[in-house]
Protein backbone atom coordinates (compact mmCIF):
# COMPACT_ATOMS: atom_id res chain seq x y z
CA UNK A 1 6.49 -11.96 -6.06
CA UNK A 2 7.07 -8.45 -4.72
CA UNK A 3 3.10 -7.77 -4.93
CA UNK A 4 2.79 -10.82 -2.67
CA UNK A 5 5.16 -9.68 -0.14
CA UNK A 6 3.63 -6.09 -0.17
CA UNK A 7 0.28 -7.82 0.39
CA UNK A 8 1.41 -10.11 3.10
CA UNK A 9 2.83 -7.27 4.82
CA UNK A 10 -0.19 -5.31 4.52
CA UNK A 11 -2.19 -8.04 5.76
CA UNK A 12 -0.19 -8.52 8.72
CA UNK A 13 0.02 -4.98 9.77
CA UNK A 14 -3.69 -4.34 8.89
CA UNK A 15 -4.92 -7.58 10.72
CA UNK A 16 -5.91 -5.66 14.09
CA UNK A 17 -7.59 -2.79 12.36
CA UNK A 18 -11.13 -2.43 13.80
CA UNK A 19 -10.52 -4.66 16.74
CA UNK A 20 -9.09 -2.56 19.39
CA UNK A 21 -10.59 0.98 19.62
CA UNK A 22 -7.49 2.20 21.46
CA UNK A 23 -5.12 1.06 18.91
CA UNK A 24 -7.24 2.16 16.18
CA UNK A 25 -7.47 5.80 17.81
CA UNK A 26 -3.68 5.89 17.92
CA UNK A 27 -3.28 4.85 14.54
CA UNK A 28 -5.87 7.36 13.04
CA UNK A 29 -4.39 10.02 15.14
CA UNK A 30 -0.83 9.37 13.52
CA UNK A 31 -2.05 8.56 10.08
CA UNK A 32 -4.02 11.84 9.79
CA UNK A 33 -1.92 13.98 12.21
CA UNK A 34 1.64 13.51 11.16
CA UNK A 35 1.84 16.42 8.76
CA UNK A 36 0.30 18.73 11.67
CA UNK A 37 2.89 17.46 14.01
CA UNK A 38 5.53 18.40 11.39
CA UNK A 39 4.02 21.98 11.12
CA UNK A 40 3.79 22.68 14.72
CA UNK A 41 7.43 21.47 15.58
CA UNK A 42 8.54 23.71 12.87
CA UNK A 43 6.61 26.71 14.13
CA UNK A 44 7.71 26.01 17.63
CA UNK A 45 11.56 25.53 16.50
CA UNK A 46 11.42 28.67 14.09
CA UNK A 47 10.68 30.86 17.20
CA UNK A 48 13.33 29.30 19.49
CA UNK A 49 16.28 29.06 17.09
CA UNK A 50 19.08 31.24 15.70
CA UNK A 51 19.28 32.10 12.02
CA UNK A 52 21.43 29.20 10.98
CA UNK A 53 18.69 26.77 12.38
CA UNK A 54 16.12 28.86 10.75
CA UNK A 55 17.77 28.24 7.23
CA UNK A 56 18.05 24.58 8.31
CA UNK A 57 14.45 24.47 8.72
CA UNK A 58 13.80 26.20 5.57
CA UNK A 59 15.83 23.64 3.70
CA UNK A 60 14.15 20.61 5.33
CA UNK A 61 10.83 22.17 4.17
CA UNK A 62 12.23 22.55 0.76
CA UNK A 63 13.22 18.93 0.72
CA UNK A 64 9.57 18.07 1.71
CA UNK A 65 8.35 20.26 -1.05
CA UNK A 66 10.61 18.81 -3.57
CA UNK A 67 9.79 15.22 -2.33
CA UNK A 68 6.20 15.92 -2.86
CA UNK A 69 6.96 17.18 -6.28
CA UNK A 70 8.71 13.95 -6.97
CA UNK A 71 5.71 12.07 -5.79
CA UNK A 72 3.52 13.92 -8.22
CA UNK A 73 5.58 12.94 -11.16
CA UNK A 74 5.67 9.22 -10.04
CA UNK A 75 1.72 9.18 -9.98
CA UNK A 76 1.66 10.56 -13.33
CA UNK A 77 3.60 7.63 -14.61
CA UNK A 78 2.64 4.71 -12.52
CA UNK A 79 -0.77 3.83 -10.92
CA UNK A 80 -1.12 1.32 -7.98
CA UNK A 81 -4.61 0.94 -6.32
CA UNK A 82 -5.15 1.42 -2.59
CA UNK A 83 -5.91 -1.62 -0.49
CA UNK A 84 -9.71 -0.80 -0.11
CA UNK A 85 -9.89 -0.41 -4.00
CA UNK A 86 -9.10 -3.95 -4.46
CA UNK A 87 -11.23 -5.38 -1.31
CA UNK A 88 -8.18 -5.87 0.90
CA UNK A 89 -8.10 -5.41 4.71
CA UNK A 90 -10.23 -2.95 6.95
CA UNK A 91 -10.26 0.62 6.19
CA UNK A 92 -10.53 2.91 9.14
CA UNK A 93 -10.09 6.32 7.31
CA UNK A 94 -12.33 7.32 4.27
CA UNK A 95 -10.15 8.02 1.28
CA UNK A 96 -10.61 8.78 -2.31
CA UNK A 97 -9.78 6.05 -4.62
CA UNK A 98 -6.55 7.25 -6.24
CA UNK A 99 -3.10 5.90 -6.61
CA UNK A 100 -1.55 4.59 -3.32
CA UNK A 101 2.08 4.84 -4.37
CA UNK A 102 3.84 6.96 -3.11
CA UNK A 103 2.39 8.18 0.11
CA UNK A 104 2.39 12.06 0.31
CA UNK A 105 2.18 11.93 4.15
CA UNK A 106 5.48 9.74 4.29
CA UNK A 107 7.20 11.60 1.91
CA UNK A 108 6.61 14.86 3.60
CA UNK A 109 7.82 13.61 6.92
CA UNK A 110 10.53 11.42 5.80
CA UNK A 111 12.01 14.30 3.73
CA UNK A 112 11.92 16.65 6.63
CA UNK A 113 13.22 14.34 9.35
CA UNK A 114 16.19 12.75 7.00
CA UNK A 115 17.19 16.44 6.05
CA UNK A 116 17.38 17.40 9.84
CA UNK A 117 19.01 14.24 10.86
CA UNK A 118 21.29 13.37 8.22
CA UNK A 119 22.22 16.48 6.30
CA UNK A 120 22.18 19.28 8.85
CA UNK A 121 22.87 16.82 12.07
CA UNK A 122 20.16 18.32 14.17
CA UNK A 123 19.76 14.98 15.64
CA UNK A 124 17.06 15.89 18.28
CA UNK A 125 14.40 17.52 15.73
CA UNK A 126 15.56 14.84 13.25
CA UNK A 127 14.92 11.92 15.52
CA UNK A 128 11.58 13.39 16.66
CA UNK A 129 10.27 13.98 13.29
CA UNK A 130 11.68 10.46 12.18
CA UNK A 131 9.59 8.56 14.78
CA UNK A 132 6.58 10.69 13.79
CA UNK A 133 7.27 9.59 10.06
CA UNK A 134 7.53 6.01 11.03
CA UNK A 135 4.27 6.00 13.16
CA UNK A 136 2.58 8.01 10.59
CA UNK A 137 3.62 5.26 8.11
CA UNK A 138 2.60 2.31 10.02
CA UNK A 139 -0.71 4.40 10.79
CA UNK A 140 -1.68 4.80 7.31
CA UNK A 141 -0.82 1.05 6.46
CA UNK A 142 -2.88 -0.02 9.68
CA UNK A 143 -5.86 2.18 8.65
CA UNK A 144 -5.87 0.42 5.31
CA UNK A 145 -5.25 3.33 2.99
CA UNK A 146 -1.68 2.38 1.82
CA UNK A 147 0.48 -0.65 1.44
CA UNK A 148 3.93 -1.08 2.97
CA UNK A 149 5.76 -0.78 -0.15
CA UNK A 150 3.94 2.79 -0.51
CA UNK A 151 6.09 3.76 2.47
CA UNK A 152 9.33 2.11 1.03
CA UNK A 153 8.78 4.22 -2.21
CA UNK A 154 8.41 7.39 -0.19
CA UNK A 155 11.38 6.79 1.96
CA UNK A 156 13.44 6.42 -1.43
CA UNK A 157 12.12 9.50 -2.85
CA UNK A 158 12.78 11.34 0.36
CA UNK A 159 16.35 10.32 0.34
CA UNK A 160 16.62 11.43 -3.38
CA UNK A 161 14.88 14.82 -2.43
CA UNK A 162 17.34 15.36 0.51
CA UNK A 163 20.25 14.73 -1.70
CA UNK A 164 18.99 17.21 -4.38
CA UNK A 165 18.26 20.01 -1.74
CA UNK A 166 21.67 19.50 -0.05
CA UNK A 167 23.36 19.78 -3.41
CA UNK A 168 21.48 22.84 -4.24
CA UNK A 169 21.81 24.34 -0.87
CA UNK A 170 23.94 27.30 -1.86
CA UNK A 171 21.33 28.66 -4.15
CA UNK A 172 18.56 27.78 -1.59
CA UNK A 173 20.40 29.45 1.36
CA UNK A 174 20.59 32.86 -0.69
CA UNK A 175 16.89 32.70 -1.08
CA UNK A 176 16.43 31.54 2.61
CA UNK A 177 18.59 34.50 3.81
CA UNK A 178 16.02 36.62 1.88
CA UNK A 179 13.15 35.07 3.74
CA UNK A 180 14.79 35.25 7.12
CA UNK A 181 15.54 38.95 6.71
CA UNK A 182 11.81 39.67 5.85
CA UNK A 183 10.81 37.66 8.89
CA UNK A 184 13.27 39.62 11.01
CA UNK A 185 11.80 43.03 9.61
CA UNK A 186 8.35 41.82 10.31
CA UNK A 187 8.99 40.91 13.79
CA UNK A 188 10.97 43.94 14.76
């Protein structure tokens, strides 16, 4: 039953793929570009913020890395084919035939955005990244390389990752202070 819902949602989102070049371009841009937008925003914010915000950026990055580690563990335990592997939908982006669940792109972006938005209350940066995370997730489904439930799984793992990083922040903040001190010495 859940697989039927997942497939139905996929077909609904993917239905327009290959029919509107402008929409295809936007979907491909976000499907592939989301992580680059995240990196560019983090670099931009790093140079504009104080030490406290730099620590927050590092914690958000650590939440993303931990989320990707959780993704890796899940892929060792569970395999779900990508839509194109079972002949479903239109594929706009070539991709290796590997497990679709969960999405690394979505986990990376949801982890960073949720940490900034919920756990550090850096609303402006968190909202921007949450929008990018949603557009990237929709883009990857629209482009035929993920199912909607892949994104839901990524969101769940991102929440779990953020909770774990938040709970371990006292140790991580010690490490982050060291990283920030090195940066300050190099930038002086």
